[in-house]
């Protein structure tokens, strides 16, 4: 039996839309125990970004590693040829 005095672990809901003019498309609607989220824009050769994260630190570390090793983000999904860096 669950302890009624114990507060349940938090969960997070992340919703992302792509916005083009007055049109928006839902890209992601995800609920889980933690997240790592980054947004950014290029200004010339400089990346201006914002980072937001929540959840247990060990889960954040695993999520960050998963993102860092993602094949699509590395560009290997484009016709079998990785993008040049």
PDB file of N, CA and C in Angstrom:
ATOM      1  N   UNK A   1       0.840  -1.186   0.000  1.00  0.00           N
ATOM      2  CA  UNK A   1       0.000   0.000   0.000  1.00  0.00           C
ATOM      3  C   UNK A   1       0.887   1.252   0.000  1.00  0.00           C
ATOM      4  N   UNK A   2       0.545   2.213  -0.812  1.00  0.00           N
ATOM      5  CA  UNK A   2       1.318   3.448  -0.930  1.00  0.00           C
ATOM      6  C   UNK A   2       1.129   4.311   0.312  1.00  0.00           C
ATOM      7  N   UNK A   3       2.208   4.984   0.708  1.00  0.00           N
ATOM      8  CA  UNK A   3       2.167   5.878   1.864  1.00  0.00           C
ATOM      9  C   UNK A   3       1.430   7.154   1.469  1.00  0.00           C
ATOM     10  N   UNK A   4       0.255   7.454   2.090  1.00  0.00           N
ATOM     11  CA  UNK A   4      -0.524   8.632   1.697  1.00  0.00           C
ATOM     12  C   UNK A   4       0.172   9.950   2.009  1.00  0.00           C
ATOM     13  N   UNK A   5       1.194   9.933   2.885  1.00  0.00           N
ATOM     14  CA  UNK A   5       1.913  11.173   3.224  1.00  0.00           C
ATOM     15  C   UNK A   5       3.016  11.474   2.223  1.00  0.00           C
ATOM     16  N   UNK A   6       3.383  10.474   1.443  1.00  0.00           N
ATOM     17  CA  UNK A   6       4.473  10.648   0.492  1.00  0.00           C
ATOM     18  C   UNK A   6       3.954  11.287  -0.789  1.00  0.00           C
ATOM     19  N   UNK A   7       4.594  12.363  -1.181  1.00  0.00           N
ATOM     20  CA  UNK A   7       4.213  13.067  -2.413  1.00  0.00           C
ATOM     21  C   UNK A   7       4.678  12.267  -3.622  1.00  0.00           C
ATOM     22  N   UNK A   8       3.823  12.103  -4.636  1.00  0.00           N
ATOM     23  CA  UNK A   8       4.239  11.373  -5.840  1.00  0.00           C
ATOM     24  C   UNK A   8       5.401  12.084  -6.543  1.00  0.00           C
ATOM     25  N   UNK A   9       6.237  11.315  -7.235  1.00  0.00           N
ATOM     26  CA  UNK A   9       7.345  11.892  -7.994  1.00  0.00           C
ATOM     27  C   UNK A   9       6.775  12.794  -9.085  1.00  0.00           C
ATOM     28  N   UNK A  10       7.435  13.928  -9.352  1.00  0.00           N
ATOM     29  CA  UNK A  10       6.927  14.817 -10.397  1.00  0.00           C
ATOM     30  C   UNK A  10       7.084  14.201 -11.777  1.00  0.00           C
ATOM     31  N   UNK A  11       6.213  14.598 -12.670  1.00  0.00           N
ATOM     32  CA  UNK A  11       6.301  14.268 -14.089  1.00  0.00           C
ATOM     33  C   UNK A  11       6.221  15.586 -14.839  1.00  0.00           C
ATOM     34  N   UNK A  12       6.691  15.603 -16.062  1.00  0.00           N
ATOM     35  CA  UNK A  12       6.760  16.827 -16.846  1.00  0.00           C
ATOM     36  C   UNK A  12       6.101  16.599 -18.193  1.00  0.00           C
ATOM     37  N   UNK A  13       5.436  17.631 -18.682  1.00  0.00           N
ATOM     38  CA  UNK A  13       4.826  17.566 -20.004  1.00  0.00           C
ATOM     39  C   UNK A  13       5.461  18.645 -20.866  1.00  0.00           C
ATOM     40  N   UNK A  14       6.038  18.218 -21.987  1.00  0.00           N
ATOM     41  CA  UNK A  14       6.691  19.130 -22.916  1.00  0.00           C
ATOM     42  C   UNK A  14       5.893  19.116 -24.213  1.00  0.00           C
ATOM     43  N   UNK A  15       5.462  20.292 -24.638  1.00  0.00           N
ATOM     44  CA  UNK A  15       4.686  20.435 -25.867  1.00  0.00           C
ATOM     45  C   UNK A  15       5.459  21.371 -26.790  1.00  0.00           C
ATOM     46  N   UNK A  16       5.621  20.965 -28.048  1.00  0.00           N
ATOM     47  CA  UNK A  16       6.392  21.755 -28.999  1.00  0.00           C
ATOM     48  C   UNK A  16       5.589  21.946 -30.279  1.00  0.00           C
ATOM     49  N   UNK A  17       5.529  23.177 -30.738  1.00  0.00           N
ATOM     50  CA  UNK A  17       4.862  23.506 -31.996  1.00  0.00           C
ATOM     51  C   UNK A  17       5.864  24.119 -32.958  1.00  0.00           C
ATOM     52  N   UNK A  18       5.699  23.826 -34.239  1.00  0.00           N
ATOM     53  CA  UNK A  18       6.421  24.539 -35.289  1.00  0.00           C
ATOM     54  C   UNK A  18       5.501  25.673 -35.732  1.00  0.00           C
ATOM     55  N   UNK A  19       6.022  26.899 -35.727  1.00  0.00           N
ATOM     56  CA  UNK A  19       5.228  28.071 -36.075  1.00  0.00           C
ATOM     57  C   UNK A  19       5.716  28.660 -37.396  1.00  0.00           C
ATOM     58  N   UNK A  20       4.817  28.739 -38.364  1.00  0.00           N
ATOM     59  CA  UNK A  20       5.114  29.381 -39.642  1.00  0.00           C
ATOM     60  C   UNK A  20       3.969  30.338 -39.926  1.00  0.00           C
ATOM     61  N   UNK A  21       4.300  31.635 -39.961  1.00  0.00           N
ATOM     62  CA  UNK A  21       3.282  32.679 -40.102  1.00  0.00           C
ATOM     63  C   UNK A  21       2.191  32.462 -39.046  1.00  0.00           C
ATOM     64  N   UNK A  22       0.941  32.353 -39.448  1.00  0.00           N
ATOM     65  CA  UNK A  22      -0.154  32.161 -38.489  1.00  0.00           C
ATOM     66  C   UNK A  22      -0.532  30.688 -38.324  1.00  0.00           C
ATOM     67  N   UNK A  23       0.278  29.792 -38.867  1.00  0.00           N
ATOM     68  CA  UNK A  23      -0.020  28.359 -38.815  1.00  0.00           C
ATOM     69  C   UNK A  23       0.898  27.677 -37.804  1.00  0.00           C
ATOM     70  N   UNK A  24       0.348  26.760 -37.011  1.00  0.00           N
ATOM     71  CA  UNK A  24       1.176  25.992 -36.094  1.00  0.00           C
ATOM     72  C   UNK A  24       0.896  24.501 -36.245  1.00  0.00           C
ATOM     73  N   UNK A  25       1.974  23.718 -36.235  1.00  0.00           N
ATOM     74  CA  UNK A  25       1.887  22.261 -36.303  1.00  0.00           C
ATOM     75  C   UNK A  25       2.462  21.691 -35.016  1.00  0.00           C
ATOM     76  N   UNK A  26       1.745  20.760 -34.410  1.00  0.00           N
ATOM     77  CA  UNK A  26       2.223  20.086 -33.215  1.00  0.00           C
ATOM     78  C   UNK A  26       3.364  19.155 -33.599  1.00  0.00           C
ATOM     79  N   UNK A  27       4.511  19.330 -32.982  1.00  0.00           N
ATOM     80  CA  UNK A  27       5.688  18.521 -33.253  1.00  0.00           C
ATOM     81  C   UNK A  27       5.849  17.436 -32.188  1.00  0.00           C
ATOM     82  N   UNK A  28       5.598  17.789 -30.913  1.00  0.00           N
ATOM     83  CA  UNK A  28       5.769  16.822 -29.827  1.00  0.00           C
ATOM     84  C   UNK A  28       4.847  17.185 -28.672  1.00  0.00           C
ATOM     85  N   UNK A  29       4.291  16.168 -28.053  1.00  0.00           N
ATOM     86  CA  UNK A  29       3.491  16.305 -26.833  1.00  0.00           C
ATOM     87  C   UNK A  29       3.861  15.097 -25.983  1.00  0.00           C
ATOM     88  N   UNK A  30       4.833  15.291 -25.077  1.00  0.00           N
ATOM     89  CA  UNK A  30       5.457  14.180 -24.369  1.00  0.00           C
ATOM     90  C   UNK A  30       5.383  14.411 -22.861  1.00  0.00           C
ATOM     91  N   UNK A  31       5.009  13.377 -22.127  1.00  0.00           N
ATOM     92  CA  UNK A  31       4.986  13.424 -20.670  1.00  0.00           C
ATOM     93  C   UNK A  31       5.880  12.312 -20.145  1.00  0.00           C
ATOM     94  N   UNK A  32       6.809  12.663 -19.217  1.00  0.00           N
ATOM     95  CA  UNK A  32       7.684  11.653 -18.636  1.00  0.00           C
ATOM     96  C   UNK A  32       8.315  12.187 -17.358  1.00  0.00           C
ATOM     97  N   UNK A  33       9.308  11.471 -16.833  1.00  0.00           N
ATOM     98  CA  UNK A  33       9.892  11.791 -15.540  1.00  0.00           C
ATOM     99  C   UNK A  33      10.989  12.850 -15.600  1.00  0.00           C
ATOM    100  N   UNK A  34      11.404  13.260 -16.779  1.00  0.00           N
ATOM    101  CA  UNK A  34      12.430  14.277 -16.883  1.00  0.00           C
ATOM    102  C   UNK A  34      12.620  14.682 -18.329  1.00  0.00           C
ATOM    103  N   UNK A  35      13.321  15.804 -18.530  1.00  0.00           N
ATOM    104  CA  UNK A  35      13.562  16.256 -19.893  1.00  0.00           C
ATOM    105  C   UNK A  35      14.794  17.131 -19.961  1.00  0.00           C
ATOM    106  N   UNK A  36      15.361  17.206 -21.154  1.00  0.00           N
ATOM    107  CA  UNK A  36      16.411  18.159 -21.515  1.00  0.00           C
ATOM    108  C   UNK A  36      15.916  18.815 -22.784  1.00  0.00           C
ATOM    109  N   UNK A  37      15.852  20.136 -22.807  1.00  0.00           N
ATOM    110  CA  UNK A  37      15.282  20.861 -23.930  1.00  0.00           C
ATOM    111  C   UNK A  37      16.210  22.006 -24.298  1.00  0.00           C
ATOM    112  N   UNK A  38      16.467  22.184 -25.581  1.00  0.00           N
ATOM    113  CA  UNK A  38      17.296  23.295 -26.043  1.00  0.00           C
ATOM    114  C   UNK A  38      16.635  23.949 -27.243  1.00  0.00           C
ATOM    115  N   UNK A  39      16.693  25.253 -27.284  1.00  0.00           N
ATOM    116  CA  UNK A  39      16.260  26.004 -28.449  1.00  0.00           C
ATOM    117  C   UNK A  39      17.389  26.957 -28.823  1.00  0.00           C
ATOM    118  N   UNK A  40      17.424  27.353 -30.066  1.00  0.00           N
ATOM    119  CA  UNK A  40      18.491  28.253 -30.449  1.00  0.00           C
ATOM    120  C   UNK A  40      18.277  28.850 -31.817  1.00  0.00           C
ATOM    121  N   UNK A  41      19.112  29.822 -32.109  1.00  0.00           N
ATOM    122  CA  UNK A  41      19.121  30.429 -33.439  1.00  0.00           C
ATOM    123  C   UNK A  41      20.552  30.789 -33.766  1.00  0.00           C
ATOM    124  N   UNK A  42      20.852  30.775 -35.058  1.00  0.00           N
ATOM    125  CA  UNK A  42      22.177  31.170 -35.517  1.00  0.00           C
ATOM    126  C   UNK A  42      22.171  32.646 -35.859  1.00  0.00           C
ATOM    127  N   UNK A  43      23.147  33.353 -35.326  1.00  0.00           N
ATOM    128  CA  UNK A  43      23.359  34.762 -35.647  1.00  0.00           C
ATOM    129  C   UNK A  43      24.762  34.836 -36.241  1.00  0.00           C
ATOM    130  N   UNK A  44      24.840  34.728 -37.568  1.00  0.00           N
ATOM    131  CA  UNK A  44      26.145  34.618 -38.212  1.00  0.00           C
ATOM    132  C   UNK A  44      26.733  33.260 -37.868  1.00  0.00           C
ATOM    133  N   UNK A  45      27.924  33.259 -37.263  1.00  0.00           N
ATOM    134  CA  UNK A  45      28.565  32.012 -36.851  1.00  0.00           C
ATOM    135  C   UNK A  45      28.342  31.701 -35.377  1.00  0.00           C
ATOM    136  N   UNK A  46      27.477  32.461 -34.716  1.00  0.00           N
ATOM    137  CA  UNK A  46      27.264  32.295 -33.284  1.00  0.00           C
ATOM    138  C   UNK A  46      25.906  31.660 -33.011  1.00  0.00           C
ATOM    139  N   UNK A  47      25.893  30.632 -32.164  1.00  0.00           N
ATOM    140  CA  UNK A  47      24.651  30.009 -31.736  1.00  0.00           C
ATOM    141  C   UNK A  47      24.177  30.709 -30.472  1.00  0.00           C
ATOM    142  N   UNK A  48      22.982  31.280 -30.532  1.00  0.00           N
ATOM    143  CA  UNK A  48      22.351  31.872 -29.363  1.00  0.00           C
ATOM    144  C   UNK A  48      21.294  30.882 -28.916  1.00  0.00           C
ATOM    145  N   UNK A  49      21.480  30.263 -27.759  1.00  0.00           N
ATOM    146  CA  UNK A  49      20.577  29.215 -27.341  1.00  0.00           C
ATOM    147  C   UNK A  49      20.113  29.354 -25.911  1.00  0.00           C
ATOM    148  N   UNK A  50      19.049  28.630 -25.616  1.00  0.00           N
ATOM    149  CA  UNK A  50      18.522  28.538 -24.265  1.00  0.00           C
ATOM    150  C   UNK A  50      18.360  27.069 -23.938  1.00  0.00           C
ATOM    151  N   UNK A  51      18.660  26.715 -22.706  1.00  0.00           N
ATOM    152  CA  UNK A  51      18.579  25.338 -22.261  1.00  0.00           C
ATOM    153  C   UNK A  51      17.686  25.272 -21.033  1.00  0.00           C
ATOM    154  N   UNK A  52      16.865  24.242 -20.991  1.00  0.00           N
ATOM    155  CA  UNK A  52      15.963  24.031 -19.870  1.00  0.00           C
ATOM    156  C   UNK A  52      15.969  22.543 -19.559  1.00  0.00           C
ATOM    157  N   UNK A  53      15.976  22.181 -18.297  1.00  0.00           N
ATOM    158  CA  UNK A  53      15.976  20.769 -17.935  1.00  0.00           C
ATOM    159  C   UNK A  53      15.297  20.593 -16.589  1.00  0.00           C
ATOM    160  N   UNK A  54      14.757  19.407 -16.362  1.00  0.00           N
ATOM    161  CA  UNK A  54      14.123  19.071 -15.096  1.00  0.00           C
ATOM    162  C   UNK A  54      14.093  17.565 -14.944  1.00  0.00           C
ATOM    163  N   UNK A  55      13.987  17.134 -13.719  1.00  0.00           N
ATOM    164  CA  UNK A  55      13.950  15.706 -13.424  1.00  0.00           C
ATOM    165  C   UNK A  55      15.213  15.299 -12.701  1.00  0.00           C
ATOM    166  N   UNK A  56      15.322  14.032 -12.333  1.00  0.00           N
ATOM    167  CA  UNK A  56      16.509  13.556 -11.622  1.00  0.00           C
ATOM    168  C   UNK A  56      17.778  13.766 -12.446  1.00  0.00           C
ATOM    169  N   UNK A  57      18.867  14.173 -11.798  1.00  0.00           N
ATOM    170  CA  UNK A  57      20.114  14.495 -12.500  1.00  0.00           C
ATOM    171  C   UNK A  57      20.647  13.313 -13.302  1.00  0.00           C
ATOM    172  N   UNK A  58      20.547  12.087 -12.769  1.00  0.00           N
ATOM    173  CA  UNK A  58      21.057  10.946 -13.529  1.00  0.00           C
ATOM    174  C   UNK A  58      20.231  10.723 -14.791  1.00  0.00           C
ATOM    175  N   UNK A  59      18.931  10.968 -14.726  1.00  0.00           N
ATOM    176  CA  UNK A  59      18.080  10.846 -15.918  1.00  0.00           C
ATOM    177  C   UNK A  59      18.427  11.945 -16.920  1.00  0.00           C
ATOM    178  N   UNK A  60      18.671  13.163 -16.439  1.00  0.00           N
ATOM    179  CA  UNK A  60      19.072  14.252 -17.336  1.00  0.00           C
ATOM    180  C   UNK A  60      20.360  13.886 -18.073  1.00  0.00           C
ATOM    181  N   UNK A  61      21.318  13.290 -17.361  1.00  0.00           N
ATOM    182  CA  UNK A  61      22.592  12.912 -17.971  1.00  0.00           C
ATOM    183  C   UNK A  61      22.374  11.860 -19.057  1.00  0.00           C
ATOM    184  N   UNK A  62      21.516  10.882 -18.805  1.00  0.00           N
ATOM    185  CA  UNK A  62      21.230   9.857 -19.812  1.00  0.00           C
ATOM    186  C   UNK A  62      20.542  10.462 -21.031  1.00  0.00           C
ATOM    187  N   UNK A  63      19.603  11.385 -20.802  1.00  0.00           N
ATOM    188  CA  UNK A  63      18.912  12.031 -21.918  1.00  0.00           C
ATOM    189  C   UNK A  63      19.883  12.866 -22.751  1.00  0.00           C
ATOM    190  N   UNK A  64      20.776  13.597 -22.078  1.00  0.00           N
ATOM    191  CA  UNK A  64      21.756  14.413 -22.799  1.00  0.00           C
ATOM    192  C   UNK A  64      22.678  13.534 -23.647  1.00  0.00           C
ATOM    193  N   UNK A  65      23.082  12.381 -23.115  1.00  0.00           N
ATOM    194  CA  UNK A  65      23.928  11.462 -23.868  1.00  0.00           C
ATOM    195  C   UNK A  65      23.178  10.892 -25.067  1.00  0.00           C
ATOM    196  N   UNK A  66      21.911  10.565 -24.873  1.00  0.00           N
ATOM    197  CA  UNK A  66      21.084  10.060 -25.971  1.00  0.00           C
ATOM    198  C   UNK A  66      20.990  11.101 -27.087  1.00  0.00           C
ATOM    199  N   UNK A  67      20.792  12.359 -26.723  1.00  0.00           N
ATOM    200  CA  UNK A  67      20.713  13.440 -27.707  1.00  0.00           C
ATOM    201  C   UNK A  67      22.057  13.603 -28.425  1.00  0.00           C
ATOM    202  N   UNK A  68      23.149  13.580 -27.660  1.00  0.00           N
ATOM    203  CA  UNK A  68      24.484  13.772 -28.243  1.00  0.00           C
ATOM    204  C   UNK A  68      24.839  12.677 -29.233  1.00  0.00           C
ATOM    205  N   UNK A  69      24.304  11.487 -29.055  1.00  0.00           N
ATOM    206  CA  UNK A  69      24.626  10.353 -29.927  1.00  0.00           C
ATOM    207  C   UNK A  69      23.547  10.058 -30.960  1.00  0.00           C
ATOM    208  N   UNK A  70      22.579  10.955 -31.123  1.00  0.00           N
ATOM    209  CA  UNK A  70      21.467  10.729 -32.035  1.00  0.00           C
ATOM    210  C   UNK A  70      21.935  10.783 -33.490  1.00  0.00           C
ATOM    211  N   UNK A  71      21.676   9.714 -34.255  1.00  0.00           N
ATOM    212  CA  UNK A  71      22.117   9.640 -35.661  1.00  0.00           C
ATOM    213  C   UNK A  71      21.474  10.724 -36.519  1.00  0.00           C
ATOM    214  N   UNK A  72      20.200  11.019 -36.289  1.00  0.00           N
ATOM    215  CA  UNK A  72      19.530  12.039 -37.099  1.00  0.00           C
ATOM    216  C   UNK A  72      20.165  13.405 -36.880  1.00  0.00           C
ATOM    217  N   UNK A  73      20.483  13.731 -35.624  1.00  0.00           N
ATOM    218  CA  UNK A  73      21.103  15.027 -35.354  1.00  0.00           C
ATOM    219  C   UNK A  73      22.503  15.115 -35.949  1.00  0.00           C
ATOM    220  N   UNK A  74      23.184  13.978 -36.068  1.00  0.00           N
ATOM    221  CA  UNK A  74      24.519  13.964 -36.684  1.00  0.00           C
ATOM    222  C   UNK A  74      24.432  14.035 -38.195  1.00  0.00           C
ATOM    223  N   UNK A  75      23.233  13.889 -38.753  1.00  0.00           N
ATOM    224  CA  UNK A  75      23.060  14.036 -40.185  1.00  0.00           C
ATOM    225  C   UNK A  75      23.210  12.758 -40.973  1.00  0.00           C
ATOM    226  N   UNK A  76      23.385  11.610 -40.319  1.00  0.00           N
ATOM    227  CA  UNK A  76      23.586  10.370 -41.064  1.00  0.00           C
ATOM    228  C   UNK A  76      22.294   9.837 -41.652  1.00  0.00           C
ATOM    229  N   UNK A  77      21.185  10.522 -41.441  1.00  0.00           N
ATOM    230  CA  UNK A  77      19.912  10.096 -42.020  1.00  0.00           C
ATOM    231  C   UNK A  77      19.721  10.600 -43.444  1.00  0.00           C
ATOM    232  N   UNK A  78      20.571  11.498 -43.914  1.00  0.00           N
ATOM    233  CA  UNK A  78      20.384  12.101 -45.230  1.00  0.00           C
ATOM    234  C   UNK A  78      21.050  11.255 -46.310  1.00  0.00           C
ATOM    235  N   UNK A  79      20.283  10.400 -46.939  1.00  0.00           N
ATOM    236  CA  UNK A  79      20.721   9.595 -48.074  1.00  0.00           C
ATOM    237  C   UNK A  79      21.987   8.799 -47.786  1.00  0.00           C
ATOM    238  N   UNK A  80      22.176   8.398 -46.523  1.00  0.00           N
ATOM    239  CA  UNK A  80      23.321   7.580 -46.160  1.00  0.00           C
ATOM    240  C   UNK A  80      24.644   8.321 -46.124  1.00  0.00           C
ATOM    241  N   UNK A  81      24.619   9.631 -46.383  1.00  0.00           N
ATOM    242  CA  UNK A  81      25.861  10.397 -46.371  1.00  0.00           C
ATOM    243  C   UNK A  81      25.847  11.365 -45.198  1.00  0.00           C
ATOM    244  N   UNK A  82      26.812  11.254 -44.278  1.00  0.00           N
ATOM    245  CA  UNK A  82      26.871  12.219 -43.172  1.00  0.00           C
ATOM    246  C   UNK A  82      27.168  13.624 -43.690  1.00  0.00           C
ATOM    247  N   UNK A  83      26.605  14.603 -43.003  1.00  0.00           N
ATOM    248  CA  UNK A  83      26.909  15.991 -43.358  1.00  0.00           C
ATOM    249  C   UNK A  83      28.333  16.318 -42.984  1.00  0.00           C
ATOM    250  N   UNK A  84      28.977  17.148 -43.770  1.00  0.00           N
ATOM    251  CA  UNK A  84      30.334  17.577 -43.417  1.00  0.00           C
ATOM    252  C   UNK A  84      30.233  18.602 -42.294  1.00  0.00           C
ATOM    253  N   UNK A  85      31.242  18.620 -41.468  1.00  0.00           N
ATOM    254  CA  UNK A  85      31.248  19.542 -40.315  1.00  0.00           C
ATOM    255  C   UNK A  85      32.135  20.719 -40.565  1.00  0.00           C
TER     256      UNK A  85
END
